[in-house]
N, C-alpha and C. Protein backbone atom coordinates (compact mmCIF):
# COMPACT_ATOMS: atom_id res chain seq x y z
N MET A 1 94.62 102.14 118.79
CA MET A 1 93.58 103.11 119.53
C MET A 1 91.90 102.07 118.67
N ARG A 2 91.18 101.86 119.44
CA ARG A 2 90.07 101.10 119.18
C ARG A 2 89.39 101.64 118.14
N GLU A 3 88.85 100.56 117.17
CA GLU A 3 87.94 100.60 115.98
C GLU A 3 88.95 101.40 114.88
N GLY A 4 89.89 102.18 115.15
CA GLY A 4 90.99 102.62 114.25
C GLY A 4 91.35 103.80 114.37
N ALA A 5 90.60 104.67 115.53
CA ALA A 5 90.74 106.06 115.79
C ALA A 5 92.31 106.24 116.27
N THR A 6 92.87 107.42 115.85
CA THR A 6 94.54 107.68 116.70
C THR A 6 94.06 107.79 118.09
N LEU A 7 93.54 108.76 117.87
CA LEU A 7 92.96 109.10 119.38
C LEU A 7 91.81 110.01 119.18
N VAL A 8 91.42 109.65 121.07
CA VAL A 8 89.99 109.77 120.95
C VAL A 8 89.87 110.28 122.47
N GLY A 9 89.18 111.49 122.83
CA GLY A 9 88.89 112.29 123.99
C GLY A 9 87.81 112.73 124.19
N VAL A 10 87.40 113.08 125.52
CA VAL A 10 86.28 113.32 126.03
C VAL A 10 86.18 114.91 126.64
N GLY A 11 85.16 115.59 126.29
CA GLY A 11 85.43 117.02 126.77
C GLY A 11 84.21 117.81 127.61
N ASP A 12 84.32 118.47 128.43
CA ASP A 12 83.02 119.01 129.31
C ASP A 12 83.02 120.44 127.84
N VAL A 13 82.17 120.50 126.82
CA VAL A 13 82.18 121.52 126.02
C VAL A 13 81.17 122.65 126.04
N THR A 14 80.48 122.50 127.39
CA THR A 14 79.51 123.31 127.86
C THR A 14 79.80 124.64 127.55
N GLN A 15 80.75 125.46 127.76
CA GLN A 15 80.64 126.62 127.69
C GLN A 15 80.69 126.90 126.31
N ALA A 16 80.86 126.33 125.21
CA ALA A 16 80.90 126.46 123.29
C ALA A 16 79.84 126.12 123.02
N LEU A 17 79.01 126.00 123.58
CA LEU A 17 77.39 125.53 123.12
C LEU A 17 76.50 126.92 123.04
N THR A 18 75.84 127.04 121.93
CA THR A 18 74.63 127.60 122.04
C THR A 18 73.48 126.90 122.45
N SER A 19 72.39 127.69 122.94
CA SER A 19 71.25 127.21 123.63
C SER A 19 70.77 126.09 123.38
N GLU A 20 70.72 125.93 121.57
CA GLU A 20 70.40 124.64 120.71
C GLU A 20 70.92 123.34 121.36
N LEU A 21 71.81 123.46 121.73
CA LEU A 21 72.84 122.32 122.09
C LEU A 21 73.40 122.21 123.34
N ILE A 22 73.04 122.91 124.16
CA ILE A 22 73.28 122.84 125.51
C ILE A 22 73.18 121.58 126.23
N HIS A 23 72.04 120.87 126.02
CA HIS A 23 71.92 119.52 126.30
C HIS A 23 72.73 118.62 126.21
N LEU A 24 73.64 118.95 124.94
CA LEU A 24 73.86 117.48 124.38
C LEU A 24 75.88 118.54 124.98
N ASN A 25 76.27 118.03 126.09
CA ASN A 25 77.33 118.91 126.65
C ASN A 25 78.73 118.09 126.93
N ARG A 26 78.54 117.08 126.24
CA ARG A 26 79.81 116.30 126.00
C ARG A 26 80.13 116.23 124.70
N GLY A 27 81.70 116.63 124.31
CA GLY A 27 82.33 116.64 122.99
C GLY A 27 82.70 115.37 122.86
N ILE A 28 82.77 114.33 122.06
CA ILE A 28 83.79 113.62 121.89
C ILE A 28 84.94 113.79 120.91
N ALA A 29 86.15 113.73 120.91
CA ALA A 29 86.75 114.03 119.66
C ALA A 29 87.57 112.90 119.16
N ILE A 30 87.45 112.96 118.11
CA ILE A 30 88.23 111.58 117.03
C ILE A 30 88.92 112.34 116.47
N ALA A 31 90.34 111.71 116.36
CA ALA A 31 91.29 111.86 115.55
C ALA A 31 91.69 110.91 114.50
N LEU A 32 92.23 111.13 113.50
CA LEU A 32 93.33 110.45 112.68
C LEU A 32 94.54 110.88 112.38
N ASN A 33 95.73 110.18 112.06
CA ASN A 33 96.66 110.99 111.64
C ASN A 33 97.01 110.72 110.42
N ARG A 34 96.21 111.36 109.82
CA ARG A 34 96.12 111.41 108.10
C ARG A 34 95.92 112.77 107.80
N GLY A 35 96.28 113.01 106.69
CA GLY A 35 95.71 114.58 105.89
C GLY A 35 94.67 114.32 105.28
N LEU A 36 94.08 115.45 104.94
CA LEU A 36 92.94 115.33 104.32
C LEU A 36 92.60 115.00 103.07
N SER A 37 91.52 114.02 102.94
CA SER A 37 91.38 113.27 101.65
C SER A 37 89.87 112.33 101.90
N SER A 38 89.65 112.22 100.68
CA SER A 38 87.91 111.43 100.74
C SER A 38 88.45 109.93 101.62
N ASP A 39 89.32 109.52 101.68
CA ASP A 39 89.37 108.20 102.27
C ASP A 39 89.41 108.61 103.71
N THR A 40 89.82 109.47 104.19
CA THR A 40 90.36 110.44 105.37
C THR A 40 88.73 110.56 106.24
N ASN A 41 87.84 111.29 105.75
CA ASN A 41 86.64 111.74 105.30
C ASN A 41 85.79 110.54 105.88
N GLU A 42 85.81 109.45 104.56
CA GLU A 42 84.99 108.20 105.13
C GLU A 42 85.29 107.67 106.44
N GLN A 43 86.58 107.58 106.59
CA GLN A 43 87.00 106.97 107.93
C GLN A 43 86.22 107.39 109.51
N LEU A 44 86.65 108.95 109.26
CA LEU A 44 86.28 109.68 110.30
C LEU A 44 84.36 109.59 110.42
N VAL A 45 83.65 109.60 109.19
CA VAL A 45 82.34 109.05 109.03
C VAL A 45 82.11 108.06 109.71
N ARG A 46 82.70 106.96 109.49
CA ARG A 46 82.76 105.76 110.07
C ARG A 46 83.11 105.34 111.54
N LEU A 47 83.88 106.39 111.98
CA LEU A 47 83.93 106.39 113.81
C LEU A 47 82.95 107.19 113.93
N GLN A 48 82.30 108.24 113.77
CA GLN A 48 80.95 108.86 114.66
C GLN A 48 80.07 107.88 114.48
N LYS A 49 79.83 107.36 112.98
CA LYS A 49 78.65 106.46 113.49
C LYS A 49 78.82 105.36 114.40
N LEU A 50 80.04 104.80 114.41
CA LEU A 50 79.75 104.08 115.68
C LEU A 50 79.51 104.33 116.85
N ALA A 51 80.46 105.43 117.40
CA ALA A 51 80.19 106.07 118.64
C ALA A 51 78.60 106.53 118.30
N GLU A 52 77.59 107.22 117.50
CA GLU A 52 76.16 107.18 117.47
C GLU A 52 75.18 105.92 117.49
N VAL A 53 75.94 104.82 117.10
CA VAL A 53 75.64 103.76 117.70
C VAL A 53 75.59 103.12 119.37
N TRP A 54 76.44 103.17 119.40
CA TRP A 54 76.83 103.36 120.72
C TRP A 54 76.13 103.64 122.24
N LEU A 55 75.91 105.05 121.57
CA LEU A 55 75.36 105.83 122.66
C LEU A 55 74.17 105.80 122.37
N LYS A 56 73.00 105.27 121.48
CA LYS A 56 71.96 105.26 120.75
C LYS A 56 71.24 103.77 121.41
N GLU A 57 72.26 102.72 121.78
CA GLU A 57 72.09 101.92 122.35
C GLU A 57 72.00 102.01 124.00
N ARG A 58 72.06 102.86 124.36
CA ARG A 58 72.62 102.86 126.11
C ARG A 58 71.91 104.03 126.39
N GLY A 59 70.72 104.70 125.45
CA GLY A 59 69.72 105.47 125.41
C GLY A 59 70.27 107.08 125.60
N TYR A 60 71.22 107.25 124.95
CA TYR A 60 71.66 108.71 124.78
C TYR A 60 71.59 109.12 123.38
N ARG A 61 71.34 110.55 123.52
CA ARG A 61 71.27 111.39 122.20
C ARG A 61 72.83 111.61 121.64
N SER A 62 72.83 111.95 120.39
CA SER A 62 74.15 112.49 120.00
C SER A 62 73.88 113.17 118.76
N PHE A 63 74.67 113.68 118.43
CA PHE A 63 74.85 115.02 117.28
C PHE A 63 76.24 115.39 116.77
N SER A 64 76.62 114.60 115.32
CA SER A 64 77.86 114.82 114.68
C SER A 64 78.08 115.78 114.31
N ILE A 65 79.35 116.28 114.22
CA ILE A 65 79.68 117.81 113.64
C ILE A 65 80.89 117.06 112.28
N PRO A 66 80.33 117.60 110.82
CA PRO A 66 81.49 116.44 110.23
C PRO A 66 82.62 117.10 110.32
N PRO A 67 83.57 115.86 109.90
CA PRO A 67 85.04 116.34 109.49
C PRO A 67 85.47 117.73 109.00
N ASP A 68 86.41 117.83 109.25
CA ASP A 68 87.41 119.10 108.37
C ASP A 68 87.51 118.32 106.87
N SER A 69 87.67 117.80 106.87
CA SER A 69 87.67 117.18 105.04
C SER A 69 86.64 117.50 104.34
N ASP A 70 85.41 117.69 105.32
CA ASP A 70 84.21 118.00 104.23
C ASP A 70 83.99 119.22 103.75
N ARG A 71 84.85 119.96 104.22
CA ARG A 71 84.78 121.60 104.03
C ARG A 71 84.72 121.63 102.50
N ARG A 72 85.38 120.80 101.82
CA ARG A 72 85.99 121.24 100.38
C ARG A 72 84.71 120.56 99.76
N LYS A 73 83.57 120.35 100.10
CA LYS A 73 82.11 119.90 99.36
C LYS A 73 81.52 120.30 99.74
N ASP A 74 80.56 121.33 98.47
CA ASP A 74 79.32 122.24 98.82
C ASP A 74 77.93 121.14 99.06
N LYS A 75 78.18 120.89 100.61
CA LYS A 75 77.11 120.43 101.38
C LYS A 75 76.39 120.93 102.18
N LEU A 76 75.34 121.00 102.60
CA LEU A 76 74.40 121.75 103.15
C LEU A 76 75.16 121.22 104.92
N ILE A 77 75.63 120.35 105.16
CA ILE A 77 76.21 119.89 106.45
C ILE A 77 77.29 120.41 106.63
N THR A 78 77.97 121.13 105.97
CA THR A 78 79.03 122.05 106.12
C THR A 78 78.46 123.37 106.83
N LYS A 79 77.30 123.77 107.00
CA LYS A 79 76.97 124.92 107.56
C LYS A 79 76.69 124.51 109.34
N LEU A 80 77.22 123.45 109.61
CA LEU A 80 77.06 122.68 111.18
C LEU A 80 78.86 122.94 111.76
N TYR A 81 79.53 124.07 110.83
CA TYR A 81 80.88 123.67 111.48
C TYR A 81 80.98 125.11 112.22
N HIS A 82 80.02 125.59 111.98
CA HIS A 82 80.07 126.88 113.40
C HIS A 82 79.36 126.52 114.53
N LEU A 83 78.70 125.73 114.72
CA LEU A 83 78.20 125.15 115.93
C LEU A 83 78.81 124.99 117.39
N VAL A 84 79.65 124.06 116.49
CA VAL A 84 81.07 123.84 117.86
C VAL A 84 82.17 123.40 117.05
N SER A 85 83.40 123.95 117.49
CA SER A 85 84.58 123.78 116.14
C SER A 85 85.45 122.34 117.05
N HIS A 86 85.73 121.32 116.25
CA HIS A 86 86.81 120.35 116.40
C HIS A 86 88.27 120.88 117.32
N LYS A 87 88.36 121.87 116.90
CA LYS A 87 89.58 122.47 118.35
C LYS A 87 88.73 122.49 119.54
N THR A 88 88.03 122.97 119.70
CA THR A 88 87.25 123.31 121.29
C THR A 88 87.01 121.78 121.65
N ALA A 89 86.66 121.13 120.75
CA ALA A 89 86.01 119.81 121.62
C ALA A 89 87.67 118.79 121.86
N ALA A 90 88.73 119.21 120.74
CA ALA A 90 89.90 118.34 121.37
C ALA A 90 90.46 119.04 122.30
N THR A 91 90.64 120.43 122.42
CA THR A 91 91.07 120.90 123.75
C THR A 91 90.69 120.68 124.68
N CYS A 92 89.13 120.83 124.82
CA CYS A 92 88.44 119.85 126.06
C CYS A 92 88.69 118.82 126.47
N SER A 93 89.22 117.67 125.64
CA SER A 93 89.32 116.65 125.90
C SER A 93 90.81 116.32 126.52
N GLY A 94 91.51 117.65 125.94
CA GLY A 94 92.85 117.10 126.48
C GLY A 94 93.82 116.87 125.34
N LEU A 95 93.30 116.95 123.95
CA LEU A 95 94.21 116.35 123.15
C LEU A 95 94.98 116.86 122.60
N GLY A 96 95.12 118.30 123.11
CA GLY A 96 96.04 119.08 122.29
C GLY A 96 95.92 120.74 122.52
N TRP A 97 96.38 121.79 121.84
CA TRP A 97 96.43 123.42 122.16
C TRP A 97 96.31 123.88 120.60
N ILE A 98 95.91 124.97 120.85
CA ILE A 98 96.02 125.85 119.48
C ILE A 98 97.41 126.46 119.37
N GLY A 99 97.70 126.06 118.21
CA GLY A 99 99.08 126.51 118.20
C GLY A 99 98.95 128.20 117.63
N LYS A 100 100.45 128.89 117.65
CA LYS A 100 100.26 129.72 116.84
C LYS A 100 100.28 130.26 115.68
N ASN A 101 99.90 128.64 114.31
CA ASN A 101 99.92 128.74 113.67
C ASN A 101 98.64 128.77 113.18
N GLY A 102 97.67 128.55 114.45
CA GLY A 102 95.84 128.35 114.65
C GLY A 102 95.67 127.44 114.16
N LEU A 103 96.03 126.17 114.56
CA LEU A 103 95.87 124.91 114.16
C LEU A 103 96.17 123.93 115.35
N LEU A 104 95.02 122.77 115.79
CA LEU A 104 95.39 122.14 116.79
C LEU A 104 96.46 121.39 116.82
N ILE A 105 97.16 121.33 117.84
CA ILE A 105 98.57 120.48 118.07
C ILE A 105 98.46 119.26 118.89
N ASN A 106 98.83 118.31 118.35
CA ASN A 106 98.99 117.38 119.79
C ASN A 106 100.35 117.13 119.80
N LYS A 107 100.77 116.97 120.86
CA LYS A 107 101.97 116.75 121.66
C LYS A 107 102.76 115.81 120.67
N ARG A 108 102.13 114.27 120.81
CA ARG A 108 102.98 113.03 119.41
C ARG A 108 102.80 113.56 118.15
N TYR A 109 101.44 114.14 117.59
CA TYR A 109 101.10 113.98 115.89
C TYR A 109 101.38 115.33 115.42
N GLY A 110 101.57 116.57 116.36
CA GLY A 110 101.55 117.72 115.34
C GLY A 110 100.37 117.88 114.93
N SER A 111 100.35 118.69 114.22
CA SER A 111 99.08 119.18 113.67
C SER A 111 98.58 118.96 112.42
N LYS A 112 99.17 117.52 111.98
CA LYS A 112 99.44 116.60 110.79
C LYS A 112 97.60 115.82 110.91
N MET A 113 96.61 116.20 111.45
CA MET A 113 95.92 115.12 112.24
C MET A 113 94.53 115.89 111.69
N SER A 114 93.58 114.80 111.21
CA SER A 114 92.34 115.38 110.79
C SER A 114 91.07 115.12 112.10
N TRP A 115 90.24 115.76 112.17
CA TRP A 115 89.32 115.73 113.50
C TRP A 115 87.77 115.70 113.09
N ALA A 116 87.55 114.94 114.16
CA ALA A 116 85.54 114.95 113.92
C ALA A 116 85.00 115.01 115.32
N THR A 117 83.92 115.34 115.61
CA THR A 117 83.63 115.32 116.50
C THR A 117 81.75 115.01 117.06
N VAL A 118 81.65 114.76 117.85
CA VAL A 118 80.29 114.00 118.32
C VAL A 118 79.57 114.59 119.90
N LEU A 119 78.84 115.03 119.38
CA LEU A 119 78.21 115.95 120.86
C LEU A 119 77.23 115.04 121.49
N THR A 120 77.28 114.98 122.70
CA THR A 120 76.21 113.70 123.35
C THR A 120 76.03 114.36 124.78
N ASP A 121 74.55 113.45 125.09
CA ASP A 121 73.81 114.09 126.43
C ASP A 121 74.70 112.82 127.57
N ALA A 122 75.45 112.11 127.01
CA ALA A 122 75.42 110.59 127.99
C ALA A 122 76.85 111.39 128.74
N PRO A 123 76.67 111.30 130.19
CA PRO A 123 77.55 111.37 131.35
C PRO A 123 78.74 110.90 131.72
N LEU A 124 79.28 111.48 130.10
CA LEU A 124 80.77 110.82 130.02
C LEU A 124 82.03 111.36 131.08
N ILE A 125 82.68 110.76 131.76
CA ILE A 125 83.61 111.62 132.80
C ILE A 125 84.83 112.27 131.58
N PRO A 126 84.65 113.71 131.96
CA PRO A 126 85.60 114.59 130.86
C PRO A 126 86.82 114.07 131.29
N ASP A 127 87.91 113.88 130.32
CA ASP A 127 89.44 114.02 130.35
C ASP A 127 89.65 115.51 130.91
N THR A 128 90.81 115.73 131.24
CA THR A 128 91.73 117.16 131.71
C THR A 128 91.83 117.85 130.40
N PRO A 129 91.47 119.07 130.58
CA PRO A 129 91.42 120.07 129.29
C PRO A 129 92.95 120.63 129.22
N VAL A 130 93.11 120.78 128.28
CA VAL A 130 94.09 121.84 127.72
C VAL A 130 93.70 123.35 127.80
N SER A 131 94.47 124.19 128.73
CA SER A 131 94.19 125.18 128.68
C SER A 131 95.01 126.57 128.47
N ASP A 132 96.10 126.28 127.68
CA ASP A 132 97.55 127.12 127.54
C ASP A 132 97.89 126.70 126.57
N SER A 133 98.57 127.43 125.50
CA SER A 133 99.55 126.89 124.79
C SER A 133 100.44 126.27 124.94
N GLN A 134 101.72 125.32 124.24
CA GLN A 134 102.54 124.55 124.62
C GLN A 134 103.60 124.83 123.68
N CYS A 135 103.42 125.87 123.11
CA CYS A 135 104.29 126.25 121.94
C CYS A 135 106.17 126.78 122.36
N GLY A 136 105.42 127.32 123.73
CA GLY A 136 106.69 128.15 124.32
C GLY A 136 107.14 129.48 123.50
N GLU A 137 108.56 129.31 123.24
CA GLU A 137 109.18 130.25 122.78
C GLU A 137 109.42 130.00 120.94
N CYS A 138 109.42 128.82 120.73
CA CYS A 138 109.23 128.36 119.24
C CYS A 138 108.52 129.54 118.53
N ASP A 139 109.13 129.99 117.33
CA ASP A 139 108.00 130.69 116.23
C ASP A 139 108.86 130.38 115.10
N LEU A 140 108.89 129.33 114.74
CA LEU A 140 109.03 128.93 113.26
C LEU A 140 108.02 128.75 112.22
N CYS A 141 106.79 128.88 112.78
CA CYS A 141 105.69 129.07 112.06
C CYS A 141 105.77 130.57 111.68
N VAL A 142 105.71 131.25 112.46
CA VAL A 142 105.88 132.97 112.33
C VAL A 142 106.95 133.34 111.28
N ARG A 143 108.06 132.78 111.16
CA ARG A 143 109.38 132.99 110.42
C ARG A 143 109.33 132.55 109.11
N HIS A 144 108.61 131.53 109.03
CA HIS A 144 108.83 130.73 107.93
C HIS A 144 107.25 130.76 107.08
N CYS A 145 106.38 131.31 107.98
CA CYS A 145 104.73 131.73 106.89
C CYS A 145 105.48 132.80 105.55
N PRO A 146 104.68 132.33 104.27
CA PRO A 146 105.22 133.24 102.90
C PRO A 146 104.14 134.09 103.21
N SER A 147 103.58 134.16 103.68
CA SER A 147 102.51 135.77 103.50
C SER A 147 102.50 136.29 104.95
N GLY A 148 103.16 135.85 105.68
CA GLY A 148 103.06 137.19 107.09
C GLY A 148 101.95 136.86 107.82
N ALA A 149 100.92 135.73 107.68
CA ALA A 149 99.35 135.90 108.49
C ALA A 149 99.75 135.31 110.28
N VAL A 150 100.79 134.50 109.99
CA VAL A 150 100.87 133.97 111.46
C VAL A 150 101.39 135.19 112.75
N LYS A 151 100.72 135.87 112.98
CA LYS A 151 100.80 136.51 113.97
C LYS A 151 101.63 136.52 115.62
N GLY A 152 102.32 135.33 115.78
CA GLY A 152 103.09 134.97 117.00
C GLY A 152 102.26 135.02 118.52
N TYR A 153 101.19 134.86 118.52
CA TYR A 153 100.39 134.90 119.72
C TYR A 153 100.35 133.79 120.52
N HIS A 154 100.12 133.65 121.42
CA HIS A 154 100.53 132.18 122.21
C HIS A 154 98.29 132.32 122.94
N TRP A 155 97.95 130.96 122.21
CA TRP A 155 96.59 130.78 122.59
C TRP A 155 96.15 130.78 123.91
N SER A 156 95.12 130.46 124.31
CA SER A 156 94.98 130.42 125.80
C SER A 156 93.46 130.06 126.17
N MET A 157 93.06 129.41 126.66
CA MET A 157 91.30 128.74 126.82
C MET A 157 90.74 130.10 127.50
N VAL A 158 91.26 131.21 127.89
CA VAL A 158 90.73 132.28 129.23
C VAL A 158 90.37 133.45 128.22
N ASP A 159 91.51 133.45 126.76
CA ASP A 159 90.77 134.19 125.89
C ASP A 159 91.05 133.31 124.35
N PRO A 160 90.40 132.28 124.18
CA PRO A 160 90.46 131.91 122.63
C PRO A 160 89.64 132.95 121.20
N ARG A 161 89.11 133.66 121.43
CA ARG A 161 88.48 134.34 120.24
C ARG A 161 89.99 135.47 119.98
N LYS A 162 91.30 135.38 120.45
CA LYS A 162 92.42 136.13 119.97
C LYS A 162 92.87 135.75 118.91
N GLU A 163 92.68 136.56 117.59
CA GLU A 163 93.24 136.16 116.19
C GLU A 163 94.83 135.77 116.04
N LEU A 164 94.95 134.42 116.18
CA LEU A 164 96.56 133.95 116.04
C LEU A 164 97.01 134.18 114.72
N VAL A 165 95.85 134.10 113.99
CA VAL A 165 96.63 134.03 112.17
C VAL A 165 95.80 135.40 111.30
N ALA A 166 96.31 135.91 110.52
CA ALA A 166 95.05 136.73 109.54
C ALA A 166 94.86 135.96 108.42
N TYR A 167 93.89 135.68 108.38
CA TYR A 167 93.45 134.78 107.56
C TYR A 167 92.88 135.18 106.16
N ASP A 168 92.89 136.10 106.01
CA ASP A 168 92.95 137.22 105.12
C ASP A 168 94.32 136.78 103.95
N LYS A 169 95.36 137.61 104.54
CA LYS A 169 96.40 137.23 104.10
C LYS A 169 96.72 135.50 103.56
N CYS A 170 96.53 134.77 104.59
CA CYS A 170 96.68 133.04 104.06
C CYS A 170 95.76 132.71 102.47
N ARG A 171 94.33 133.33 102.85
CA ARG A 171 93.59 132.71 101.87
C ARG A 171 94.42 133.99 100.59
N SER A 172 95.20 135.02 100.29
CA SER A 172 95.48 135.72 99.45
C SER A 172 96.74 134.97 98.69
N LEU A 173 97.50 134.46 99.48
CA LEU A 173 98.51 133.86 99.21
C LEU A 173 97.95 132.64 98.25
N LYS A 174 96.91 131.91 98.57
CA LYS A 174 96.67 130.25 98.16
C LYS A 174 95.76 131.35 96.59
N LYS A 175 94.98 132.31 96.59
CA LYS A 175 94.66 132.89 95.52
C LYS A 175 95.51 133.04 94.38
N LYS A 176 96.89 133.32 94.82
CA LYS A 176 98.16 133.66 94.04
C LYS A 176 98.87 132.35 93.44
N ARG A 177 98.53 131.60 94.35
CA ARG A 177 99.65 130.34 93.83
C ARG A 177 98.69 129.21 93.40
N HIS A 178 99.05 128.63 92.21
CA HIS A 178 97.63 127.73 91.65
C HIS A 178 98.17 126.40 91.92
N ASP A 179 99.19 126.19 92.57
CA ASP A 179 99.87 124.80 93.07
C ASP A 179 98.80 124.38 94.78
N PHE A 180 98.09 125.33 95.23
CA PHE A 180 97.90 125.24 96.55
C PHE A 180 96.40 125.31 96.54
N THR A 181 95.59 125.06 95.03
CA THR A 181 94.17 125.03 94.52
C THR A 181 93.03 124.18 95.32
N GLU A 182 94.11 123.03 95.41
CA GLU A 182 93.44 121.77 95.66
C GLU A 182 93.54 121.74 97.19
N LYS A 183 94.28 122.97 98.20
CA LYS A 183 94.68 122.48 99.47
C LYS A 183 94.08 123.22 99.87
N PRO A 184 93.77 122.97 101.48
CA PRO A 184 93.30 123.80 102.21
C PRO A 184 94.52 125.46 102.72
N ASN A 185 95.39 124.95 102.45
CA ASN A 185 96.28 126.23 102.85
C ASN A 185 97.73 125.43 102.00
N CYS A 186 98.87 126.53 102.44
CA CYS A 186 100.17 125.83 101.78
C CYS A 186 100.93 125.11 102.54
N GLY A 187 100.24 124.98 103.92
CA GLY A 187 101.08 123.98 104.43
C GLY A 187 102.16 124.09 105.36
N PHE A 188 102.92 125.49 105.11
CA PHE A 188 104.26 125.69 105.51
C PHE A 188 104.17 125.64 107.20
N CYS A 189 103.18 126.44 107.66
CA CYS A 189 102.85 125.97 109.16
C CYS A 189 103.06 124.76 109.90
N VAL A 190 102.68 123.84 109.05
CA VAL A 190 102.64 122.78 109.45
C VAL A 190 104.06 121.99 109.38
N THR A 191 104.67 121.91 108.34
CA THR A 191 105.64 121.40 107.87
C THR A 191 106.65 121.59 108.62
N VAL A 192 107.20 123.22 109.42
CA VAL A 192 107.68 123.62 109.80
C VAL A 192 107.99 123.02 111.34
N CYS A 193 106.56 122.77 111.89
CA CYS A 193 105.93 122.57 113.60
C CYS A 193 107.19 121.51 114.09
N PRO A 194 107.78 121.61 115.16
CA PRO A 194 108.68 120.74 115.57
C PRO A 194 107.81 119.33 115.94
N PHE A 195 106.65 119.83 116.74
CA PHE A 195 105.71 118.87 116.92
C PHE A 195 105.09 117.89 115.72
N SER A 196 105.19 118.52 114.74
CA SER A 196 104.87 117.41 113.33
C SER A 196 105.66 116.52 112.97
N ARG A 197 107.08 116.95 113.35
CA ARG A 197 108.30 116.25 112.71
C ARG A 197 108.38 114.91 113.87
N ASN A 198 107.66 114.12 114.19
CA ASN A 198 107.99 112.89 114.96
C ASN A 198 107.92 113.20 116.53
N GLY A 199 107.23 114.39 116.95
CA GLY A 199 107.53 115.08 118.39
C GLY A 199 109.12 115.72 118.63
N HIS A 200 110.18 115.53 117.70
CA HIS A 200 111.44 116.49 117.75
C HIS A 200 111.47 117.47 118.34
N LYS A 201 111.85 118.43 118.65
CA LYS A 201 111.66 119.77 119.34
C LYS A 201 112.82 120.43 118.87
N HIS A 202 112.98 121.64 117.85
CA HIS A 202 114.19 122.29 117.10
C HIS A 202 113.71 123.88 117.45
N THR A 203 114.74 124.04 117.55
CA THR A 203 114.28 126.27 117.71
C THR A 203 115.13 126.81 116.77
């Protein structure tokens, strides 16, 4: 992938934008096939800046939503997350769907991806969005979740606000387990996902 990104897609994110951002209705979803780390964060920010420069040189505006790996840092920029979700940009760009585990799943790379988003007013042609879950009957993440947080529902763009995961249970487990203190979650739902294991489907 050009400039080192694992995946790049463009989506029409109009429906997910607040009135302040409605003019930036194209979401460029950028992904790296790496776990969360400072290096991953730096690479994603670098890719965002390259996109910003490219757009500015052509007279277009842009606004970057920081990478997920920045969530651990006590920065003012983390307040930008609520403006538009990386999951929204990725699904609108056709790069994946929201799994039963509540994570963005790409058919090739599973949910072991780190994401960043650049919003722009450039009239880029959007990719075909993914509108429904492709998890099928698989319920491995439901059965193996140690906190019982994964409810087993199917995601759909028609009802994107359906609660797929009881995050209070997920957070509760993290507080009880000291070995999870430096991780965003325990990761079992990522590990057991068939799409995270080289795309080989298991049931």
